Amino acid sequence: MTDDCLFCRIVAGEIPATVVHETDDTLAFRDIGPKAPVHVLVIPKAHHQDIAALAAADPALAGRVLASCAAVAEKEGLTGDGYRVIFNTGGFGGQEVFHVHGHVVGGRPLGPMLSI
């Protein structure tokens, strides 16, 4: 955990979040600026900068993060029509908070993968 990381502070309970799913080592909460009717962030409670760092340091935890993404999709009723799980990595990838997080988005047609 790092003191200056927004998501670490959410895990520590210092910043409120609307939690929709929690396990011993993952936390899922609603995005404050949703891009779809359902937009939930899924994070490991341990700090890892991005998905590559997490996969290198703890592949089993990376798998548990993905399992939590699937659990969130099911709880939110997204499995019938479909959904996306997005991990942005680095500045060019659109990562804004440098604590790995998956975006589970759905609830309407999402359109093309990229609009350039």
N, C-alpha and C. Protein backbone atom coordinates (compact mmCIF):
# COMPACT_ATOMS: atom_id res chain seq x y z
N MET A 1 0.84 -1.18 0.00
CA MET A 1 0.00 0.00 0.00
C MET A 1 0.89 1.24 0.00
N THR A 2 0.48 2.23 -0.79
CA THR A 2 1.21 3.49 -0.81
C THR A 2 0.30 4.61 -0.34
N ASP A 3 0.86 5.55 0.41
CA ASP A 3 0.07 6.63 1.01
C ASP A 3 -0.53 7.58 -0.02
N ASP A 4 0.12 7.73 -1.18
CA ASP A 4 -0.36 8.71 -2.15
C ASP A 4 -1.23 8.08 -3.25
N CYS A 5 -1.58 6.81 -3.13
CA CYS A 5 -2.38 6.11 -4.14
C CYS A 5 -3.86 6.19 -3.77
N LEU A 6 -4.66 6.73 -4.67
CA LEU A 6 -6.10 6.85 -4.45
C LEU A 6 -6.74 5.51 -4.11
N PHE A 7 -6.41 4.48 -4.88
CA PHE A 7 -7.06 3.19 -4.66
C PHE A 7 -6.59 2.53 -3.38
N CYS A 8 -5.33 2.71 -3.00
CA CYS A 8 -4.86 2.21 -1.71
C CYS A 8 -5.61 2.88 -0.57
N ARG A 9 -5.91 4.15 -0.74
CA ARG A 9 -6.66 4.88 0.29
C ARG A 9 -8.11 4.40 0.36
N ILE A 10 -8.68 4.00 -0.78
CA ILE A 10 -10.02 3.41 -0.77
C ILE A 10 -9.98 2.08 -0.05
N VAL A 11 -8.99 1.24 -0.34
CA VAL A 11 -8.85 -0.05 0.34
C VAL A 11 -8.73 0.16 1.85
N ALA A 12 -7.98 1.19 2.27
CA ALA A 12 -7.77 1.47 3.69
C ALA A 12 -9.00 2.09 4.36
N GLY A 13 -10.01 2.44 3.59
CA GLY A 13 -11.22 3.05 4.15
C GLY A 13 -11.10 4.54 4.38
N GLU A 14 -10.04 5.15 3.88
CA GLU A 14 -9.84 6.60 4.05
C GLU A 14 -10.69 7.42 3.09
N ILE A 15 -11.03 6.83 1.96
CA ILE A 15 -11.87 7.49 0.95
C ILE A 15 -13.06 6.57 0.71
N PRO A 16 -14.28 7.12 0.75
CA PRO A 16 -15.46 6.26 0.57
C PRO A 16 -15.60 5.80 -0.87
N ALA A 17 -16.20 4.64 -1.02
CA ALA A 17 -16.52 4.08 -2.34
C ALA A 17 -17.76 3.21 -2.19
N THR A 18 -18.50 3.08 -3.28
CA THR A 18 -19.67 2.21 -3.30
C THR A 18 -19.21 0.82 -3.71
N VAL A 19 -18.98 -0.02 -2.72
CA VAL A 19 -18.45 -1.36 -2.93
C VAL A 19 -19.57 -2.28 -3.40
N VAL A 20 -19.29 -3.04 -4.47
CA VAL A 20 -20.27 -3.99 -4.99
C VAL A 20 -19.80 -5.44 -4.83
N HIS A 21 -18.51 -5.65 -4.58
CA HIS A 21 -17.98 -7.00 -4.41
C HIS A 21 -16.65 -6.89 -3.68
N GLU A 22 -16.42 -7.84 -2.77
CA GLU A 22 -15.15 -7.84 -2.04
C GLU A 22 -14.77 -9.27 -1.70
N THR A 23 -13.48 -9.54 -1.84
CA THR A 23 -12.91 -10.82 -1.39
C THR A 23 -11.77 -10.47 -0.45
N ASP A 24 -11.07 -11.49 0.02
CA ASP A 24 -9.94 -11.24 0.91
C ASP A 24 -8.89 -10.35 0.26
N ASP A 25 -8.72 -10.47 -1.08
CA ASP A 25 -7.63 -9.72 -1.71
C ASP A 25 -8.05 -8.88 -2.91
N THR A 26 -9.37 -8.72 -3.15
CA THR A 26 -9.84 -7.83 -4.21
C THR A 26 -10.98 -6.95 -3.69
N LEU A 27 -11.16 -5.83 -4.38
CA LEU A 27 -12.24 -4.91 -4.05
C LEU A 27 -12.82 -4.39 -5.35
N ALA A 28 -14.15 -4.34 -5.44
CA ALA A 28 -14.82 -3.83 -6.63
C ALA A 28 -15.79 -2.73 -6.19
N PHE A 29 -15.72 -1.59 -6.88
CA PHE A 29 -16.55 -0.45 -6.51
C PHE A 29 -16.95 0.33 -7.76
N ARG A 30 -18.05 1.07 -7.65
CA ARG A 30 -18.57 1.82 -8.79
C ARG A 30 -17.63 2.97 -9.15
N ASP A 31 -17.45 3.17 -10.46
CA ASP A 31 -16.65 4.28 -10.96
C ASP A 31 -17.42 5.57 -10.72
N ILE A 32 -16.73 6.63 -10.29
CA ILE A 32 -17.41 7.91 -10.01
C ILE A 32 -17.75 8.67 -11.28
N GLY A 33 -17.19 8.28 -12.41
CA GLY A 33 -17.49 8.90 -13.70
C GLY A 33 -17.85 7.82 -14.70
N PRO A 34 -18.99 7.13 -14.52
CA PRO A 34 -19.30 5.96 -15.34
C PRO A 34 -19.43 6.29 -16.82
N LYS A 35 -18.93 5.36 -17.65
CA LYS A 35 -19.00 5.48 -19.10
C LYS A 35 -20.09 4.59 -19.69
N ALA A 36 -20.79 3.86 -18.85
CA ALA A 36 -21.87 2.96 -19.26
C ALA A 36 -22.80 2.81 -18.06
N PRO A 37 -24.01 2.25 -18.26
CA PRO A 37 -24.91 2.06 -17.12
C PRO A 37 -24.28 1.27 -15.97
N VAL A 38 -23.45 0.29 -16.31
CA VAL A 38 -22.65 -0.41 -15.29
C VAL A 38 -21.20 -0.10 -15.58
N HIS A 39 -20.51 0.44 -14.59
CA HIS A 39 -19.07 0.72 -14.71
C HIS A 39 -18.47 0.53 -13.32
N VAL A 40 -17.86 -0.61 -13.13
CA VAL A 40 -17.31 -1.00 -11.83
C VAL A 40 -15.80 -1.22 -12.00
N LEU A 41 -15.03 -0.71 -11.05
CA LEU A 41 -13.58 -0.92 -11.03
C LEU A 41 -13.27 -2.08 -10.10
N VAL A 42 -12.40 -2.97 -10.56
CA VAL A 42 -11.99 -4.13 -9.78
C VAL A 42 -10.49 -4.03 -9.57
N ILE A 43 -10.06 -4.04 -8.30
CA ILE A 43 -8.64 -3.86 -7.98
C ILE A 43 -8.17 -4.95 -7.03
N PRO A 44 -6.87 -5.25 -7.08
CA PRO A 44 -6.31 -6.03 -5.99
C PRO A 44 -6.12 -5.09 -4.80
N LYS A 45 -6.27 -5.59 -3.60
CA LYS A 45 -6.04 -4.75 -2.43
C LYS A 45 -4.56 -4.39 -2.28
N ALA A 46 -3.70 -5.26 -2.73
CA ALA A 46 -2.25 -4.98 -2.72
C ALA A 46 -1.93 -4.05 -3.89
N HIS A 47 -1.00 -3.14 -3.66
CA HIS A 47 -0.64 -2.18 -4.70
C HIS A 47 0.29 -2.80 -5.74
N HIS A 48 -0.14 -2.73 -6.99
CA HIS A 48 0.67 -3.07 -8.16
C HIS A 48 0.36 -1.99 -9.19
N GLN A 49 1.37 -1.48 -9.85
CA GLN A 49 1.19 -0.33 -10.74
C GLN A 49 0.25 -0.59 -11.90
N ASP A 50 0.38 -1.72 -12.55
CA ASP A 50 -0.45 -2.01 -13.72
C ASP A 50 -0.58 -3.53 -13.88
N ILE A 51 -1.32 -3.95 -14.90
CA ILE A 51 -1.60 -5.37 -15.06
C ILE A 51 -0.33 -6.17 -15.35
N ALA A 52 0.63 -5.58 -16.07
CA ALA A 52 1.88 -6.28 -16.34
C ALA A 52 2.67 -6.50 -15.05
N ALA A 53 2.72 -5.49 -14.21
CA ALA A 53 3.43 -5.62 -12.93
C ALA A 53 2.76 -6.65 -12.05
N LEU A 54 1.44 -6.66 -12.02
CA LEU A 54 0.71 -7.64 -11.22
C LEU A 54 0.97 -9.05 -11.74
N ALA A 55 0.87 -9.23 -13.05
CA ALA A 55 1.07 -10.56 -13.63
C ALA A 55 2.47 -11.09 -13.34
N ALA A 56 3.46 -10.21 -13.38
CA ALA A 56 4.84 -10.63 -13.10
C ALA A 56 5.04 -10.95 -11.63
N ALA A 57 4.46 -10.15 -10.74
CA ALA A 57 4.69 -10.31 -9.31
C ALA A 57 3.85 -11.42 -8.68
N ASP A 58 2.61 -11.58 -9.16
CA ASP A 58 1.69 -12.50 -8.49
C ASP A 58 0.63 -12.99 -9.48
N PRO A 59 0.99 -13.94 -10.34
CA PRO A 59 0.02 -14.42 -11.34
C PRO A 59 -1.28 -14.97 -10.71
N ALA A 60 -1.18 -15.58 -9.56
CA ALA A 60 -2.38 -16.12 -8.92
C ALA A 60 -3.33 -14.98 -8.52
N LEU A 61 -2.78 -13.89 -8.01
CA LEU A 61 -3.62 -12.74 -7.67
C LEU A 61 -4.24 -12.14 -8.93
N ALA A 62 -3.49 -12.10 -10.02
CA ALA A 62 -4.05 -11.61 -11.28
C ALA A 62 -5.27 -12.45 -11.67
N GLY A 63 -5.18 -13.74 -11.48
CA GLY A 63 -6.31 -14.62 -11.76
C GLY A 63 -7.50 -14.34 -10.86
N ARG A 64 -7.22 -14.03 -9.59
CA ARG A 64 -8.31 -13.72 -8.66
C ARG A 64 -8.97 -12.38 -9.01
N VAL A 65 -8.19 -11.43 -9.52
CA VAL A 65 -8.77 -10.16 -9.99
C VAL A 65 -9.73 -10.45 -11.15
N LEU A 66 -9.30 -11.29 -12.09
CA LEU A 66 -10.18 -11.64 -13.21
C LEU A 66 -11.43 -12.37 -12.73
N ALA A 67 -11.28 -13.26 -11.75
CA ALA A 67 -12.44 -13.96 -11.20
C ALA A 67 -13.40 -12.96 -10.55
N SER A 68 -12.87 -11.94 -9.89
CA SER A 68 -13.73 -10.91 -9.30
C SER A 68 -14.44 -10.10 -10.39
N CYS A 69 -13.75 -9.86 -11.51
CA CYS A 69 -14.40 -9.17 -12.63
C CYS A 69 -15.61 -9.99 -13.11
N ALA A 70 -15.43 -11.29 -13.25
CA ALA A 70 -16.52 -12.17 -13.68
C ALA A 70 -17.65 -12.18 -12.66
N ALA A 71 -17.32 -12.20 -11.38
CA ALA A 71 -18.34 -12.18 -10.33
C ALA A 71 -19.14 -10.88 -10.37
N VAL A 72 -18.46 -9.76 -10.59
CA VAL A 72 -19.13 -8.47 -10.70
C VAL A 72 -20.08 -8.48 -11.90
N ALA A 73 -19.62 -8.96 -13.04
CA ALA A 73 -20.47 -9.01 -14.24
C ALA A 73 -21.73 -9.83 -13.96
N GLU A 74 -21.58 -10.94 -13.27
CA GLU A 74 -22.75 -11.76 -12.95
C GLU A 74 -23.69 -11.04 -11.99
N LYS A 75 -23.13 -10.46 -10.92
CA LYS A 75 -23.95 -9.74 -9.93
C LYS A 75 -24.70 -8.57 -10.56
N GLU A 76 -24.07 -7.93 -11.55
CA GLU A 76 -24.67 -6.75 -12.19
C GLU A 76 -25.59 -7.12 -13.36
N GLY A 77 -25.77 -8.41 -13.62
CA GLY A 77 -26.69 -8.85 -14.66
C GLY A 77 -26.17 -8.66 -16.08
N LEU A 78 -24.86 -8.70 -16.27
CA LEU A 78 -24.28 -8.42 -17.58
C LEU A 78 -23.98 -9.66 -18.41
N THR A 79 -24.07 -10.84 -17.84
CA THR A 79 -23.60 -12.02 -18.54
C THR A 79 -24.46 -12.40 -19.74
N GLY A 80 -25.73 -12.04 -19.75
CA GLY A 80 -26.60 -12.41 -20.87
C GLY A 80 -26.29 -11.64 -22.14
N ASP A 81 -26.19 -10.33 -22.04
CA ASP A 81 -25.98 -9.49 -23.22
C ASP A 81 -24.51 -9.20 -23.50
N GLY A 82 -23.65 -9.40 -22.53
CA GLY A 82 -22.23 -9.17 -22.72
C GLY A 82 -21.72 -7.92 -22.03
N TYR A 83 -20.41 -7.83 -21.93
CA TYR A 83 -19.75 -6.75 -21.21
C TYR A 83 -18.29 -6.72 -21.62
N ARG A 84 -17.58 -5.70 -21.16
CA ARG A 84 -16.14 -5.61 -21.39
C ARG A 84 -15.41 -5.54 -20.06
N VAL A 85 -14.20 -6.09 -20.06
CA VAL A 85 -13.26 -5.89 -18.97
C VAL A 85 -12.04 -5.24 -19.61
N ILE A 86 -11.71 -4.03 -19.14
CA ILE A 86 -10.65 -3.24 -19.75
C ILE A 86 -9.59 -2.93 -18.69
N PHE A 87 -8.33 -3.20 -19.03
CA PHE A 87 -7.20 -2.81 -18.19
C PHE A 87 -6.38 -1.82 -19.00
N ASN A 88 -6.40 -0.56 -18.62
CA ASN A 88 -5.55 0.45 -19.26
C ASN A 88 -4.18 0.38 -18.63
N THR A 89 -3.14 0.48 -19.45
CA THR A 89 -1.77 0.40 -18.94
C THR A 89 -0.94 1.54 -19.51
N GLY A 90 -0.40 2.37 -18.63
CA GLY A 90 0.46 3.48 -19.04
C GLY A 90 -0.33 4.65 -19.62
N GLY A 91 0.38 5.73 -19.81
CA GLY A 91 -0.23 6.96 -20.29
C GLY A 91 -0.88 6.82 -21.65
N PHE A 92 -0.21 6.19 -22.61
CA PHE A 92 -0.78 6.02 -23.94
C PHE A 92 -1.99 5.08 -23.91
N GLY A 93 -2.03 4.19 -22.92
CA GLY A 93 -3.15 3.28 -22.77
C GLY A 93 -4.32 3.87 -22.03
N GLY A 94 -4.17 5.10 -21.55
CA GLY A 94 -5.26 5.78 -20.86
C GLY A 94 -5.31 5.56 -19.36
N GLN A 95 -4.27 4.96 -18.78
CA GLN A 95 -4.28 4.74 -17.33
C GLN A 95 -4.13 6.07 -16.61
N GLU A 96 -5.05 6.34 -15.69
CA GLU A 96 -5.03 7.59 -14.93
C GLU A 96 -4.63 7.38 -13.47
N VAL A 97 -4.99 6.25 -12.90
CA VAL A 97 -4.60 5.90 -11.53
C VAL A 97 -3.64 4.72 -11.65
N PHE A 98 -2.45 4.88 -11.13
CA PHE A 98 -1.41 3.88 -11.31
C PHE A 98 -1.41 2.84 -10.19
N HIS A 99 -2.57 2.22 -10.04
CA HIS A 99 -2.83 1.03 -9.23
C HIS A 99 -3.70 0.18 -10.16
N VAL A 100 -3.23 -1.01 -10.51
CA VAL A 100 -3.94 -1.80 -11.50
C VAL A 100 -5.42 -1.89 -11.19
N HIS A 101 -6.24 -1.71 -12.21
CA HIS A 101 -7.68 -1.82 -12.05
C HIS A 101 -8.32 -2.23 -13.36
N GLY A 102 -9.27 -3.14 -13.25
CA GLY A 102 -10.06 -3.55 -14.39
C GLY A 102 -11.38 -2.80 -14.36
N HIS A 103 -11.78 -2.32 -15.53
CA HIS A 103 -13.09 -1.68 -15.68
C HIS A 103 -14.06 -2.74 -16.20
N VAL A 104 -15.11 -3.04 -15.45
CA VAL A 104 -16.18 -3.91 -15.92
C VAL A 104 -17.29 -2.97 -16.39
N VAL A 105 -17.54 -2.96 -17.70
CA VAL A 105 -18.52 -2.03 -18.26
C VAL A 105 -19.54 -2.78 -19.09
N GLY A 106 -20.78 -2.32 -19.03
CA GLY A 106 -21.86 -2.93 -19.80
C GLY A 106 -23.19 -2.30 -19.48
N GLY A 107 -24.23 -2.98 -19.87
CA GLY A 107 -25.57 -2.47 -19.62
C GLY A 107 -26.20 -1.81 -20.84
N ARG A 108 -25.44 -1.69 -21.92
CA ARG A 108 -25.92 -1.16 -23.21
C ARG A 108 -24.89 -1.56 -24.26
N PRO A 109 -25.25 -1.48 -25.56
CA PRO A 109 -24.23 -1.75 -26.58
C PRO A 109 -23.08 -0.76 -26.42
N LEU A 110 -21.86 -1.26 -26.49
CA LEU A 110 -20.69 -0.44 -26.19
C LEU A 110 -20.00 0.14 -27.42
N GLY A 111 -20.40 -0.28 -28.61
CA GLY A 111 -19.79 0.27 -29.81
C GLY A 111 -18.42 -0.30 -30.09
N PRO A 112 -17.67 0.36 -30.98
CA PRO A 112 -16.36 -0.16 -31.37
C PRO A 112 -15.37 -0.12 -30.23
N MET A 113 -14.36 -0.96 -30.32
CA MET A 113 -13.31 -1.00 -29.29
C MET A 113 -12.60 0.32 -29.13
N LEU A 114 -12.24 0.94 -30.26
CA LEU A 114 -11.54 2.21 -30.23
C LEU A 114 -12.20 3.19 -31.17
N SER A 115 -12.26 4.42 -30.75
CA SER A 115 -12.71 5.46 -31.68
C SER A 115 -11.57 6.44 -31.82
N ILE A 116 -10.94 6.40 -32.97
CA ILE A 116 -9.75 7.22 -33.21
C ILE A 116 -10.08 8.29 -34.22
